[in-house]
Amino acid sequence: MTASRAANIAIALVLVGWGLVAFAVLSSLGDPAPWESKSQLNAIHYRAMLAVLLGTLCLVSAVWLSGYSASFAKARASVALAGVVIPLVVCFWYGLF
C-alpha cells in the first residue's frame, strides 16, 4: 500500500469512525418506549455497543495509517490525525468543565 493511498484511507476512516460513534451515542439518548420488550432494548443496546466498537476501531486505524503515511503525505496525514485528536480534546474538555 502506498503512503498516498494510506492517507486517503485514513481520512475516510475518520469520517466513518466519527459517524459510527455519533450514531451509537444518538441512538442511546432518551427513554425507551414503555411498550418495548426487554429483548428489543437489549438489541438496541448491543447495536449501539457494536457501533462504538467499530467506530473506535476505525479511529485507531486512522491514527495508525496517518502515522504510516506521515513521511510521504504530510498534509493528508495531518488532516486525518487532527480529525481524530481535535474532536477528542473538545469532548474531554466539555466533559471536564
N, C-alpha and C. Protein backbone atom coordinates (compact mmCIF):
# COMPACT_ATOMS: atom_id res chain seq x y z
N MET A 1 0.85 -1.17 0.00
CA MET A 1 0.00 0.00 0.00
C MET A 1 0.90 1.24 0.00
N THR A 2 0.59 2.14 -0.89
CA THR A 2 1.37 3.36 -0.95
C THR A 2 0.96 4.31 0.17
N ALA A 3 1.86 5.22 0.49
CA ALA A 3 1.59 6.18 1.56
C ALA A 3 0.44 7.11 1.18
N SER A 4 0.33 7.44 -0.09
CA SER A 4 -0.75 8.32 -0.53
C SER A 4 -2.11 7.65 -0.34
N ARG A 5 -2.19 6.37 -0.70
CA ARG A 5 -3.45 5.64 -0.53
C ARG A 5 -3.77 5.46 0.95
N ALA A 6 -2.75 5.22 1.77
CA ALA A 6 -2.96 5.06 3.21
C ALA A 6 -3.50 6.35 3.82
N ALA A 7 -3.00 7.49 3.38
CA ALA A 7 -3.50 8.77 3.90
C ALA A 7 -4.95 9.00 3.50
N ASN A 8 -5.30 8.64 2.28
CA ASN A 8 -6.69 8.79 1.83
C ASN A 8 -7.61 7.86 2.61
N ILE A 9 -7.18 6.64 2.85
CA ILE A 9 -7.98 5.70 3.62
C ILE A 9 -8.13 6.19 5.06
N ALA A 10 -7.07 6.80 5.60
CA ALA A 10 -7.15 7.32 6.96
C ALA A 10 -8.20 8.42 7.08
N ILE A 11 -8.26 9.29 6.10
CA ILE A 11 -9.27 10.35 6.12
C ILE A 11 -10.68 9.75 6.03
N ALA A 12 -10.85 8.74 5.18
CA ALA A 12 -12.15 8.09 5.06
C ALA A 12 -12.52 7.38 6.37
N LEU A 13 -11.55 6.74 7.01
CA LEU A 13 -11.82 6.05 8.27
C LEU A 13 -12.19 7.02 9.38
N VAL A 14 -11.64 8.22 9.36
CA VAL A 14 -12.02 9.23 10.35
C VAL A 14 -13.49 9.58 10.21
N LEU A 15 -13.93 9.79 8.97
CA LEU A 15 -15.33 10.13 8.74
C LEU A 15 -16.27 8.99 9.13
N VAL A 16 -15.91 7.78 8.75
CA VAL A 16 -16.74 6.63 9.09
C VAL A 16 -16.75 6.38 10.60
N GLY A 17 -15.59 6.51 11.22
CA GLY A 17 -15.48 6.27 12.67
C GLY A 17 -16.31 7.24 13.48
N TRP A 18 -16.21 8.53 13.17
CA TRP A 18 -17.00 9.50 13.93
C TRP A 18 -18.48 9.36 13.63
N GLY A 19 -18.82 8.95 12.41
CA GLY A 19 -20.23 8.70 12.09
C GLY A 19 -20.80 7.55 12.90
N LEU A 20 -20.04 6.48 13.04
CA LEU A 20 -20.49 5.34 13.83
C LEU A 20 -20.62 5.69 15.31
N VAL A 21 -19.65 6.43 15.82
CA VAL A 21 -19.70 6.82 17.23
C VAL A 21 -20.89 7.75 17.48
N ALA A 22 -21.12 8.68 16.57
CA ALA A 22 -22.27 9.59 16.72
C ALA A 22 -23.58 8.83 16.65
N PHE A 23 -23.68 7.84 15.75
CA PHE A 23 -24.88 7.02 15.66
C PHE A 23 -25.13 6.29 16.98
N ALA A 24 -24.08 5.74 17.55
CA ALA A 24 -24.24 4.99 18.80
C ALA A 24 -24.69 5.89 19.93
N VAL A 25 -24.10 7.07 20.03
CA VAL A 25 -24.47 7.98 21.11
C VAL A 25 -25.90 8.47 20.93
N LEU A 26 -26.26 8.85 19.72
CA LEU A 26 -27.59 9.38 19.49
C LEU A 26 -28.67 8.31 19.60
N SER A 27 -28.34 7.06 19.29
CA SER A 27 -29.34 6.01 19.42
C SER A 27 -29.57 5.62 20.88
N SER A 28 -28.64 6.00 21.75
CA SER A 28 -28.79 5.68 23.17
C SER A 28 -29.44 6.79 23.97
N LEU A 29 -29.70 7.93 23.35
CA LEU A 29 -30.30 9.05 24.07
C LEU A 29 -31.80 8.84 24.26
N GLY A 30 -32.31 9.37 25.31
CA GLY A 30 -33.75 9.33 25.54
C GLY A 30 -34.22 8.07 26.25
N ASP A 31 -35.45 8.13 26.68
CA ASP A 31 -36.07 6.98 27.34
C ASP A 31 -36.71 6.08 26.30
N PRO A 32 -36.65 4.78 26.51
CA PRO A 32 -37.31 3.88 25.56
C PRO A 32 -38.83 3.95 25.71
N ALA A 33 -39.49 3.53 24.67
CA ALA A 33 -40.95 3.48 24.71
C ALA A 33 -41.38 2.44 25.74
N PRO A 34 -42.46 2.70 26.46
CA PRO A 34 -42.86 1.76 27.51
C PRO A 34 -43.31 0.40 26.98
N TRP A 35 -43.70 0.30 25.74
CA TRP A 35 -44.17 -0.98 25.21
C TRP A 35 -43.05 -1.83 24.61
N GLU A 36 -41.82 -1.33 24.60
CA GLU A 36 -40.72 -2.12 24.06
C GLU A 36 -40.32 -3.21 25.05
N SER A 37 -40.09 -4.38 24.52
CA SER A 37 -39.73 -5.50 25.39
C SER A 37 -38.25 -5.44 25.78
N LYS A 38 -37.91 -6.25 26.75
CA LYS A 38 -36.53 -6.30 27.23
C LYS A 38 -35.59 -6.77 26.12
N SER A 39 -36.04 -7.68 25.29
CA SER A 39 -35.19 -8.18 24.20
C SER A 39 -34.94 -7.10 23.14
N GLN A 40 -35.93 -6.26 22.88
CA GLN A 40 -35.73 -5.16 21.94
C GLN A 40 -34.75 -4.14 22.51
N LEU A 41 -34.86 -3.85 23.80
CA LEU A 41 -33.93 -2.92 24.42
C LEU A 41 -32.51 -3.47 24.40
N ASN A 42 -32.38 -4.78 24.64
CA ASN A 42 -31.05 -5.39 24.58
C ASN A 42 -30.48 -5.33 23.17
N ALA A 43 -31.32 -5.54 22.17
CA ALA A 43 -30.86 -5.48 20.78
C ALA A 43 -30.38 -4.07 20.43
N ILE A 44 -31.11 -3.06 20.88
CA ILE A 44 -30.71 -1.67 20.64
C ILE A 44 -29.38 -1.38 21.35
N HIS A 45 -29.25 -1.87 22.56
CA HIS A 45 -28.02 -1.66 23.33
C HIS A 45 -26.84 -2.35 22.65
N TYR A 46 -27.02 -3.58 22.20
CA TYR A 46 -25.92 -4.31 21.55
C TYR A 46 -25.54 -3.66 20.22
N ARG A 47 -26.52 -3.14 19.48
CA ARG A 47 -26.22 -2.46 18.23
C ARG A 47 -25.41 -1.19 18.50
N ALA A 48 -25.77 -0.45 19.53
CA ALA A 48 -25.03 0.77 19.87
C ALA A 48 -23.61 0.43 20.33
N MET A 49 -23.46 -0.63 21.10
CA MET A 49 -22.13 -1.01 21.55
C MET A 49 -21.26 -1.49 20.39
N LEU A 50 -21.86 -2.19 19.43
CA LEU A 50 -21.12 -2.61 18.24
C LEU A 50 -20.69 -1.39 17.42
N ALA A 51 -21.56 -0.40 17.31
CA ALA A 51 -21.21 0.81 16.57
C ALA A 51 -20.07 1.56 17.25
N VAL A 52 -20.09 1.62 18.59
CA VAL A 52 -18.99 2.28 19.31
C VAL A 52 -17.69 1.52 19.10
N LEU A 53 -17.76 0.20 19.17
CA LEU A 53 -16.56 -0.61 19.00
C LEU A 53 -15.99 -0.44 17.59
N LEU A 54 -16.83 -0.53 16.57
CA LEU A 54 -16.36 -0.38 15.20
C LEU A 54 -15.87 1.04 14.92
N GLY A 55 -16.55 2.03 15.47
CA GLY A 55 -16.12 3.42 15.29
C GLY A 55 -14.77 3.67 15.93
N THR A 56 -14.57 3.14 17.13
CA THR A 56 -13.29 3.29 17.80
C THR A 56 -12.19 2.57 17.04
N LEU A 57 -12.50 1.40 16.52
CA LEU A 57 -11.54 0.66 15.71
C LEU A 57 -11.17 1.44 14.45
N CYS A 58 -12.14 2.07 13.83
CA CYS A 58 -11.87 2.91 12.66
C CYS A 58 -10.97 4.09 13.01
N LEU A 59 -11.23 4.73 14.15
CA LEU A 59 -10.43 5.88 14.55
C LEU A 59 -9.00 5.48 14.90
N VAL A 60 -8.84 4.36 15.58
CA VAL A 60 -7.49 3.89 15.91
C VAL A 60 -6.75 3.50 14.63
N SER A 61 -7.44 2.86 13.71
CA SER A 61 -6.82 2.51 12.42
C SER A 61 -6.43 3.75 11.63
N ALA A 62 -7.25 4.78 11.70
CA ALA A 62 -6.94 6.03 11.01
C ALA A 62 -5.69 6.68 11.58
N VAL A 63 -5.55 6.64 12.90
CA VAL A 63 -4.34 7.21 13.51
C VAL A 63 -3.12 6.40 13.09
N TRP A 64 -3.24 5.08 13.06
CA TRP A 64 -2.11 4.26 12.66
C TRP A 64 -1.74 4.52 11.20
N LEU A 65 -2.74 4.57 10.32
CA LEU A 65 -2.47 4.83 8.91
C LEU A 65 -1.89 6.22 8.68
N SER A 66 -2.33 7.19 9.46
CA SER A 66 -1.77 8.53 9.29
C SER A 66 -0.31 8.55 9.75
N GLY A 67 0.02 7.79 10.76
CA GLY A 67 1.42 7.69 11.17
C GLY A 67 2.25 6.96 10.14
N TYR A 68 1.67 5.94 9.51
CA TYR A 68 2.35 5.19 8.46
C TYR A 68 2.66 6.06 7.25
N SER A 69 1.75 6.95 6.93
CA SER A 69 1.90 7.76 5.73
C SER A 69 2.43 9.16 6.00
N ALA A 70 2.83 9.44 7.22
CA ALA A 70 3.22 10.81 7.58
C ALA A 70 4.48 11.29 6.87
N SER A 71 5.37 10.38 6.52
CA SER A 71 6.63 10.82 5.90
C SER A 71 6.45 11.22 4.43
N PHE A 72 5.43 10.70 3.76
CA PHE A 72 5.26 10.99 2.34
C PHE A 72 4.07 11.90 2.05
N ALA A 73 2.98 11.73 2.76
CA ALA A 73 1.78 12.54 2.55
C ALA A 73 1.50 13.33 3.82
N LYS A 74 2.33 14.33 4.08
CA LYS A 74 2.28 15.05 5.35
C LYS A 74 0.96 15.77 5.58
N ALA A 75 0.45 16.43 4.58
CA ALA A 75 -0.77 17.23 4.76
C ALA A 75 -1.97 16.35 5.04
N ARG A 76 -2.15 15.30 4.24
CA ARG A 76 -3.31 14.43 4.43
C ARG A 76 -3.21 13.63 5.72
N ALA A 77 -2.00 13.23 6.09
CA ALA A 77 -1.83 12.51 7.35
C ALA A 77 -2.13 13.43 8.53
N SER A 78 -1.74 14.69 8.41
CA SER A 78 -2.03 15.65 9.49
C SER A 78 -3.52 15.93 9.59
N VAL A 79 -4.20 15.99 8.46
CA VAL A 79 -5.65 16.21 8.47
C VAL A 79 -6.35 15.03 9.14
N ALA A 80 -5.92 13.82 8.81
CA ALA A 80 -6.53 12.63 9.42
C ALA A 80 -6.28 12.60 10.92
N LEU A 81 -5.06 12.90 11.33
CA LEU A 81 -4.75 12.90 12.76
C LEU A 81 -5.51 13.99 13.50
N ALA A 82 -5.60 15.17 12.89
CA ALA A 82 -6.35 16.26 13.51
C ALA A 82 -7.84 15.93 13.58
N GLY A 83 -8.34 15.18 12.60
CA GLY A 83 -9.74 14.79 12.60
C GLY A 83 -10.09 13.83 13.73
N VAL A 84 -9.10 13.16 14.25
CA VAL A 84 -9.32 12.28 15.40
C VAL A 84 -9.06 13.01 16.70
N VAL A 85 -7.94 13.73 16.77
CA VAL A 85 -7.48 14.29 18.04
C VAL A 85 -8.31 15.50 18.46
N ILE A 86 -8.60 16.41 17.56
CA ILE A 86 -9.31 17.64 17.93
C ILE A 86 -10.70 17.35 18.50
N PRO A 87 -11.53 16.51 17.87
CA PRO A 87 -12.83 16.22 18.50
C PRO A 87 -12.69 15.51 19.84
N LEU A 88 -11.68 14.66 20.00
CA LEU A 88 -11.47 14.01 21.29
C LEU A 88 -11.13 15.03 22.38
N VAL A 89 -10.26 15.97 22.05
CA VAL A 89 -9.89 17.00 23.02
C VAL A 89 -11.09 17.85 23.37
N VAL A 90 -11.90 18.21 22.38
CA VAL A 90 -13.10 19.01 22.64
C VAL A 90 -14.07 18.26 23.52
N CYS A 91 -14.28 16.96 23.25
CA CYS A 91 -15.20 16.16 24.08
C CYS A 91 -14.69 16.05 25.51
N PHE A 92 -13.41 15.81 25.69
CA PHE A 92 -12.88 15.73 27.04
C PHE A 92 -12.93 17.08 27.74
N TRP A 93 -12.70 18.16 27.02
CA TRP A 93 -12.75 19.50 27.61
C TRP A 93 -14.15 19.80 28.12
N TYR A 94 -15.17 19.54 27.30
CA TYR A 94 -16.54 19.80 27.73
C TYR A 94 -17.02 18.80 28.77
N GLY A 95 -16.43 17.62 28.78
CA GLY A 95 -16.77 16.65 29.79
C GLY A 95 -16.22 17.01 31.16
N LEU A 96 -15.07 17.65 31.17
CA LEU A 96 -14.44 18.01 32.44
C LEU A 96 -14.99 19.31 33.02
N PHE A 97 -15.37 20.25 32.14
CA PHE A 97 -15.78 21.57 32.64
C PHE A 97 -17.20 21.81 32.34
